[in-house]
Amino acid sequence: MRRILMIATGVTVALTLAACGSKPAKPAEEVAECVFPDAPKVKAPGWICNMPVEGVAVSAIGSHEKSAAGFAFMQDQATAAARVRLAQQMRVHVTNMVKQYAETTGAAGSETVDKVNTSVSKLITVETLSGSRVYRSYTSPTGMVYVLVGLDPKLAEQSTAAALRTSMNNDRAAWQQFRAKKGQDELADDIAKLRGTPAAGQ
């Protein structure tokens, strides 16, 4: 009986020591979906990593580092940079829609599409994107200011159609090879109404 008691006591002590000696498992560190480019260990809003923003069809991000000139200056500079990038994103947006329309309707070959897209791209500038506005603004831990500038779906469609109509008037030769049984205005509207992948980027 005494031997059994001693064995039982030994087992209990061993289990107790084992429990005390083992370290609790560390919880897995959460990996942020998006971090600041200038502060990679800090979680950032998704739009800073080009994640879609509801109600914005085409967007671009601008930033400006901390400056003694003050926040208003930094935000103006970031907004100006974002608008330049927005024009670039809009060119991609429009040329993708022209390509999509040509592929789905068989209206033109790749050579004609390239000519048309070159014509349209030249017309999309910061100045022609009236209606673009700042949708988001955020200051990072290091003081860098980020802004998101964009166009809502209606304005994006209007800007697309306007660029297409101007291109059709300026470069009739390229567009005449676009085998469409529609007038210029109707064709421009049809292309502009396509719902492609939203364009966003820095």
C-alpha atoms as a PDB file:
ATOM      1  CA  MET A   1       0.000   0.000   0.000  1.00  0.00           C
ATOM      2  CA  ARG A   2       2.852   2.319   0.910  1.00  0.00           C
ATOM      3  CA  ARG A   3       4.603   1.530  -2.405  1.00  0.00           C
ATOM      4  CA  ILE A   4       1.469   2.373  -4.388  1.00  0.00           C
ATOM      5  CA  LEU A   5       1.140   5.680  -2.474  1.00  0.00           C
ATOM      6  CA  MET A   6       4.755   6.625  -3.207  1.00  0.00           C
ATOM      7  CA  ILE A   7       4.318   5.892  -6.944  1.00  0.00           C
ATOM      8  CA  ALA A   8       1.130   7.952  -7.068  1.00  0.00           C
ATOM      9  CA  THR A   9       2.826  10.860  -5.285  1.00  0.00           C
ATOM     10  CA  GLY A  10       5.775  10.714  -7.679  1.00  0.00           C
ATOM     11  CA  VAL A  11       3.514  10.821 -10.703  1.00  0.00           C
ATOM     12  CA  THR A  12       1.652  13.842  -9.285  1.00  0.00           C
ATOM     13  CA  VAL A  13       4.905  15.754  -8.650  1.00  0.00           C
ATOM     14  CA  ALA A  14       6.182  14.947 -12.136  1.00  0.00           C
ATOM     15  CA  LEU A  15       3.000  16.165 -13.740  1.00  0.00           C
ATOM     16  CA  THR A  16       3.076  19.349 -11.650  1.00  0.00           C
ATOM     17  CA  LEU A  17       6.690  20.086 -12.620  1.00  0.00           C
ATOM     18  CA  ALA A  18       5.954  19.422 -16.274  1.00  0.00           C
ATOM     19  CA  ALA A  19       3.016  21.826 -16.178  1.00  0.00           C
ATOM     20  CA  CYS A  20       5.119  24.524 -14.507  1.00  0.00           C
ATOM     21  CA  GLY A  21       8.045  24.048 -16.871  1.00  0.00           C
ATOM     22  CA  SER A  22       6.070  24.293 -20.128  1.00  0.00           C
ATOM     23  CA  LYS A  23       5.710  27.791 -21.622  1.00  0.00           C
ATOM     24  CA  PRO A  24       2.306  28.923 -22.880  1.00  0.00           C
ATOM     25  CA  ALA A  25       2.101  29.021 -26.668  1.00  0.00           C
ATOM     26  CA  LYS A  26       2.331  32.498 -28.111  1.00  0.00           C
ATOM     27  CA  PRO A  27      -0.729  33.577 -30.075  1.00  0.00           C
ATOM     28  CA  ALA A  28      -0.074  33.915 -33.795  1.00  0.00           C
ATOM     29  CA  GLU A  29       0.653  37.493 -34.800  1.00  0.00           C
ATOM     30  CA  GLU A  30      -2.043  39.092 -36.916  1.00  0.00           C
ATOM     31  CA  VAL A  31      -0.825  39.957 -40.399  1.00  0.00           C
ATOM     32  CA  ALA A  32      -2.217  43.285 -41.575  1.00  0.00           C
ATOM     33  CA  GLU A  33      -3.900  43.328 -44.973  1.00  0.00           C
ATOM     34  CA  CYS A  34      -2.414  46.733 -45.652  1.00  0.00           C
ATOM     35  CA  VAL A  35       0.465  48.710 -44.127  1.00  0.00           C
ATOM     36  CA  PHE A  36       1.883  52.172 -44.718  1.00  0.00           C
ATOM     37  CA  PRO A  37       4.738  52.248 -47.259  1.00  0.00           C
ATOM     38  CA  ASP A  38       6.630  54.600 -44.936  1.00  0.00           C
ATOM     39  CA  ALA A  39       5.699  52.673 -41.761  1.00  0.00           C
ATOM     40  CA  PRO A  40       5.571  48.989 -42.787  1.00  0.00           C
ATOM     41  CA  LYS A  41       4.811  47.748 -39.274  1.00  0.00           C
ATOM     42  CA  VAL A  42       1.677  49.857 -38.922  1.00  0.00           C
ATOM     43  CA  LYS A  43      -1.719  48.804 -40.239  1.00  0.00           C
ATOM     44  CA  ALA A  44      -3.136  51.191 -42.853  1.00  0.00           C
ATOM     45  CA  PRO A  45      -6.585  51.749 -44.399  1.00  0.00           C
ATOM     46  CA  GLY A  46      -7.190  49.391 -47.308  1.00  0.00           C
ATOM     47  CA  TRP A  47      -7.473  52.138 -49.918  1.00  0.00           C
ATOM     48  CA  ILE A  48      -3.800  53.005 -49.399  1.00  0.00           C
ATOM     49  CA  CYS A  49      -3.038  49.552 -50.851  1.00  0.00           C
ATOM     50  CA  ASN A  50      -5.373  50.133 -53.822  1.00  0.00           C
ATOM     51  CA  MET A  51      -8.307  48.213 -52.367  1.00  0.00           C
ATOM     52  CA  PRO A  52     -11.621  49.292 -53.965  1.00  0.00           C
ATOM     53  CA  VAL A  53     -13.633  52.100 -52.407  1.00  0.00           C
ATOM     54  CA  GLU A  54     -17.408  51.902 -52.710  1.00  0.00           C
ATOM     55  CA  GLY A  55     -18.860  54.550 -54.993  1.00  0.00           C
ATOM     56  CA  VAL A  56     -15.552  55.284 -56.746  1.00  0.00           C
ATOM     57  CA  ALA A  57     -15.153  53.990 -60.314  1.00  0.00           C
ATOM     58  CA  VAL A  58     -11.613  55.173 -61.034  1.00  0.00           C
ATOM     59  CA  SER A  59      -9.141  56.317 -58.389  1.00  0.00           C
ATOM     60  CA  ALA A  60      -5.510  57.131 -57.671  1.00  0.00           C
ATOM     61  CA  ILE A  61      -3.405  57.772 -54.586  1.00  0.00           C
ATOM     62  CA  GLY A  62      -1.066  60.665 -53.961  1.00  0.00           C
ATOM     63  CA  SER A  63       1.231  61.321 -51.012  1.00  0.00           C
ATOM     64  CA  HIS A  64       3.561  63.954 -49.636  1.00  0.00           C
ATOM     65  CA  GLU A  65       6.099  63.709 -46.853  1.00  0.00           C
ATOM     66  CA  LYS A  66       5.922  65.766 -43.691  1.00  0.00           C
ATOM     67  CA  SER A  67       6.800  69.390 -44.390  1.00  0.00           C
ATOM     68  CA  ALA A  68       7.407  72.539 -42.379  1.00  0.00           C
ATOM     69  CA  ALA A  69       5.096  74.264 -44.853  1.00  0.00           C
ATOM     70  CA  GLY A  70       2.153  72.736 -42.997  1.00  0.00           C
ATOM     71  CA  PHE A  71      -0.667  70.272 -43.485  1.00  0.00           C
ATOM     72  CA  ALA A  72      -2.599  72.288 -46.087  1.00  0.00           C
ATOM     73  CA  PHE A  73       0.469  72.468 -48.331  1.00  0.00           C
ATOM     74  CA  MET A  74       1.136  68.746 -47.912  1.00  0.00           C
ATOM     75  CA  GLN A  75      -2.441  67.851 -48.772  1.00  0.00           C
ATOM     76  CA  ASP A  76      -2.440  70.118 -51.841  1.00  0.00           C
ATOM     77  CA  GLN A  77       0.761  68.505 -53.119  1.00  0.00           C
ATOM     78  CA  ALA A  78      -0.545  64.992 -52.460  1.00  0.00           C
ATOM     79  CA  THR A  79      -3.804  65.845 -54.247  1.00  0.00           C
ATOM     80  CA  ALA A  80      -1.966  67.247 -57.271  1.00  0.00           C
ATOM     81  CA  ALA A  81       0.135  64.086 -57.519  1.00  0.00           C
ATOM     82  CA  ALA A  82      -2.991  61.929 -57.206  1.00  0.00           C
ATOM     83  CA  ARG A  83      -4.729  63.829 -60.030  1.00  0.00           C
ATOM     84  CA  VAL A  84      -1.788  63.206 -62.369  1.00  0.00           C
ATOM     85  CA  ARG A  85      -2.002  59.506 -61.542  1.00  0.00           C
ATOM     86  CA  LEU A  86      -5.790  59.597 -61.930  1.00  0.00           C
ATOM     87  CA  ALA A  87      -5.368  60.743 -65.532  1.00  0.00           C
ATOM     88  CA  GLN A  88      -3.036  57.776 -66.089  1.00  0.00           C
ATOM     89  CA  GLN A  89      -5.545  55.395 -64.503  1.00  0.00           C
ATOM     90  CA  MET A  90      -8.360  56.883 -66.586  1.00  0.00           C
ATOM     91  CA  ARG A  91      -6.375  56.237 -69.773  1.00  0.00           C
ATOM     92  CA  VAL A  92      -6.035  52.588 -68.749  1.00  0.00           C
ATOM     93  CA  HIS A  93      -9.737  52.463 -67.848  1.00  0.00           C
ATOM     94  CA  VAL A  94     -10.874  53.850 -71.216  1.00  0.00           C
ATOM     95  CA  THR A  95      -8.494  51.835 -73.389  1.00  0.00           C
ATOM     96  CA  ASN A  96      -9.552  48.656 -71.586  1.00  0.00           C
ATOM     97  CA  MET A  97     -13.194  49.420 -72.340  1.00  0.00           C
ATOM     98  CA  VAL A  98     -12.480  50.078 -76.029  1.00  0.00           C
ATOM     99  CA  LYS A  99     -10.629  46.757 -76.195  1.00  0.00           C
ATOM    100  CA  GLN A 100     -13.442  44.974 -74.346  1.00  0.00           C
ATOM    101  CA  TYR A 101     -16.061  46.412 -76.716  1.00  0.00           C
ATOM    102  CA  ALA A 102     -14.048  45.393 -79.785  1.00  0.00           C
ATOM    103  CA  GLU A 103     -13.522  41.863 -78.478  1.00  0.00           C
ATOM    104  CA  THR A 104     -17.151  41.270 -77.523  1.00  0.00           C
ATOM    105  CA  THR A 105     -18.669  42.755 -80.696  1.00  0.00           C
ATOM    106  CA  GLY A 106     -15.980  41.902 -83.242  1.00  0.00           C
ATOM    107  CA  ALA A 107     -16.026  45.555 -84.312  1.00  0.00           C
ATOM    108  CA  ALA A 108     -12.285  45.868 -84.872  1.00  0.00           C
ATOM    109  CA  GLY A 109      -8.992  44.034 -84.998  1.00  0.00           C
ATOM    110  CA  SER A 110      -6.123  44.585 -82.608  1.00  0.00           C
ATOM    111  CA  GLU A 111      -4.308  47.014 -84.941  1.00  0.00           C
ATOM    112  CA  THR A 112      -7.353  49.265 -85.221  1.00  0.00           C
ATOM    113  CA  VAL A 113      -7.953  49.089 -81.470  1.00  0.00           C
ATOM    114  CA  ASP A 114      -4.361  50.178 -80.834  1.00  0.00           C
ATOM    115  CA  LYS A 115      -4.738  53.169 -83.180  1.00  0.00           C
ATOM    116  CA  VAL A 116      -8.005  54.216 -81.585  1.00  0.00           C
ATOM    117  CA  ASN A 117      -6.651  53.841 -78.067  1.00  0.00           C
ATOM    118  CA  THR A 118      -3.590  55.919 -78.903  1.00  0.00           C
ATOM    119  CA  SER A 119      -5.909  58.646 -80.150  1.00  0.00           C
ATOM    120  CA  VAL A 120      -8.139  58.532 -77.070  1.00  0.00           C
ATOM    121  CA  SER A 121      -5.272  58.391 -74.555  1.00  0.00           C
ATOM    122  CA  LYS A 122      -3.835  61.689 -75.773  1.00  0.00           C
ATOM    123  CA  LEU A 123      -7.096  63.419 -74.863  1.00  0.00           C
ATOM    124  CA  ILE A 124      -7.269  62.321 -71.239  1.00  0.00           C
ATOM    125  CA  THR A 125      -5.387  64.775 -69.046  1.00  0.00           C
ATOM    126  CA  VAL A 126      -5.685  66.245 -65.572  1.00  0.00           C
ATOM    127  CA  GLU A 127      -7.497  69.221 -67.087  1.00  0.00           C
ATOM    128  CA  THR A 128     -10.151  67.087 -68.819  1.00  0.00           C
ATOM    129  CA  LEU A 129     -11.048  65.156 -65.661  1.00  0.00           C
ATOM    130  CA  SER A 130     -13.386  67.749 -64.232  1.00  0.00           C
ATOM    131  CA  GLY A 131     -15.362  66.538 -61.247  1.00  0.00           C
ATOM    132  CA  SER A 132     -12.607  64.488 -59.656  1.00  0.00           C
ATOM    133  CA  ARG A 133     -12.442  64.982 -55.904  1.00  0.00           C
ATOM    134  CA  VAL A 134     -10.681  63.832 -52.759  1.00  0.00           C
ATOM    135  CA  TYR A 135     -12.508  60.843 -51.245  1.00  0.00           C
ATOM    136  CA  ARG A 136     -10.087  59.889 -48.483  1.00  0.00           C
ATOM    137  CA  SER A 137      -7.212  61.487 -46.588  1.00  0.00           C
ATOM    138  CA  TYR A 138      -4.950  60.009 -43.918  1.00  0.00           C
ATOM    139  CA  THR A 139      -1.737  60.925 -42.103  1.00  0.00           C
ATOM    140  CA  SER A 140       0.700  58.094 -41.383  1.00  0.00           C
ATOM    141  CA  PRO A 141       2.652  57.709 -38.118  1.00  0.00           C
ATOM    142  CA  THR A 142       5.676  59.363 -39.775  1.00  0.00           C
ATOM    143  CA  GLY A 143       3.639  62.392 -40.834  1.00  0.00           C
ATOM    144  CA  MET A 144       3.237  61.429 -44.505  1.00  0.00           C
ATOM    145  CA  VAL A 145      -0.092  62.602 -45.937  1.00  0.00           C
ATOM    146  CA  TYR A 146      -1.994  60.242 -48.258  1.00  0.00           C
ATOM    147  CA  VAL A 147      -5.044  61.182 -50.326  1.00  0.00           C
ATOM    148  CA  LEU A 148      -7.368  59.212 -52.585  1.00  0.00           C
ATOM    149  CA  VAL A 149      -8.712  61.156 -55.576  1.00  0.00           C
ATOM    150  CA  GLY A 150     -11.335  59.654 -57.837  1.00  0.00           C
ATOM    151  CA  LEU A 151     -14.393  59.835 -60.041  1.00  0.00           C
ATOM    152  CA  ASP A 152     -17.777  58.362 -59.217  1.00  0.00           C
ATOM    153  CA  PRO A 153     -19.339  55.987 -61.797  1.00  0.00           C
ATOM    154  CA  LYS A 154     -21.469  58.683 -63.453  1.00  0.00           C
ATOM    155  CA  LEU A 155     -18.590  61.139 -63.881  1.00  0.00           C
ATOM    156  CA  ALA A 156     -16.268  58.375 -65.072  1.00  0.00           C
ATOM    157  CA  GLU A 157     -18.825  57.427 -67.726  1.00  0.00           C
ATOM    158  CA  GLN A 158     -19.276  61.060 -68.809  1.00  0.00           C
ATOM    159  CA  SER A 159     -15.522  61.636 -69.022  1.00  0.00           C
ATOM    160  CA  THR A 160     -15.086  58.450 -71.041  1.00  0.00           C
ATOM    161  CA  ALA A 161     -17.822  59.352 -73.514  1.00  0.00           C
ATOM    162  CA  ALA A 162     -16.468  62.894 -73.917  1.00  0.00           C
ATOM    163  CA  ALA A 163     -12.947  61.630 -74.669  1.00  0.00           C
ATOM    164  CA  LEU A 164     -14.289  59.096 -77.161  1.00  0.00           C
ATOM    165  CA  ARG A 165     -16.415  61.669 -79.018  1.00  0.00           C
ATOM    166  CA  THR A 166     -13.493  64.076 -79.275  1.00  0.00           C
ATOM    167  CA  SER A 167     -11.265  61.291 -80.557  1.00  0.00           C
ATOM    168  CA  MET A 168     -13.873  60.297 -83.156  1.00  0.00           C
ATOM    169  CA  ASN A 169     -14.021  63.862 -84.434  1.00  0.00           C
ATOM    170  CA  ASN A 170     -10.250  64.365 -84.424  1.00  0.00           C
ATOM    171  CA  ASP A 171      -9.218  61.014 -85.867  1.00  0.00           C
ATOM    172  CA  ARG A 172     -11.956  59.896 -88.204  1.00  0.00           C
ATOM    173  CA  ALA A 173      -9.653  57.658 -90.229  1.00  0.00           C
ATOM    174  CA  ALA A 174      -8.892  55.401 -87.263  1.00  0.00           C
ATOM    175  CA  TRP A 175     -12.487  55.204 -86.150  1.00  0.00           C
ATOM    176  CA  GLN A 176     -13.804  54.494 -89.676  1.00  0.00           C
ATOM    177  CA  GLN A 177     -12.058  51.127 -89.433  1.00  0.00           C
ATOM    178  CA  PHE A 178     -14.113  50.394 -86.320  1.00  0.00           C
ATOM    179  CA  ARG A 179     -16.844  48.260 -87.827  1.00  0.00           C
ATOM    180  CA  ALA A 180     -19.804  49.569 -85.857  1.00  0.00           C
ATOM    181  CA  LYS A 181     -23.309  49.982 -87.240  1.00  0.00           C
ATOM    182  CA  LYS A 182     -23.911  52.939 -84.968  1.00  0.00           C
ATOM    183  CA  GLY A 183     -23.405  56.672 -85.001  1.00  0.00           C
ATOM    184  CA  GLN A 184     -20.482  58.207 -83.145  1.00  0.00           C
ATOM    185  CA  ASP A 185     -22.511  59.393 -80.165  1.00  0.00           C
ATOM    186  CA  GLU A 186     -24.245  56.041 -79.711  1.00  0.00           C
ATOM    187  CA  LEU A 187     -20.965  54.151 -80.073  1.00  0.00           C
ATOM    188  CA  ALA A 188     -19.240  56.427 -77.536  1.00  0.00           C
ATOM    189  CA  ASP A 189     -22.095  55.965 -75.066  1.00  0.00           C
ATOM    190  CA  ASP A 190     -22.102  52.185 -75.503  1.00  0.00           C
ATOM    191  CA  ILE A 191     -18.382  51.924 -74.787  1.00  0.00           C
ATOM    192  CA  ALA A 192     -18.578  54.335 -71.853  1.00  0.00           C
ATOM    193  CA  LYS A 193     -21.342  52.293 -70.218  1.00  0.00           C
ATOM    194  CA  LEU A 194     -19.292  49.109 -70.121  1.00  0.00           C
ATOM    195  CA  ARG A 195     -18.541  47.941 -66.608  1.00  0.00           C
ATOM    196  CA  GLY A 196     -14.963  46.775 -66.592  1.00  0.00           C
ATOM    197  CA  THR A 197     -12.668  46.237 -63.636  1.00  0.00           C
ATOM    198  CA  PRO A 198     -12.400  49.458 -61.600  1.00  0.00           C
ATOM    199  CA  ALA A 199      -9.073  51.159 -62.213  1.00  0.00           C
ATOM    200  CA  ALA A 200      -7.115  52.102 -59.108  1.00  0.00           C
ATOM    201  CA  GLY A 201      -3.534  52.663 -58.445  1.00  0.00           C
ATOM    202  CA  GLN A 202      -0.853  54.840 -57.153  1.00  0.00           C
END
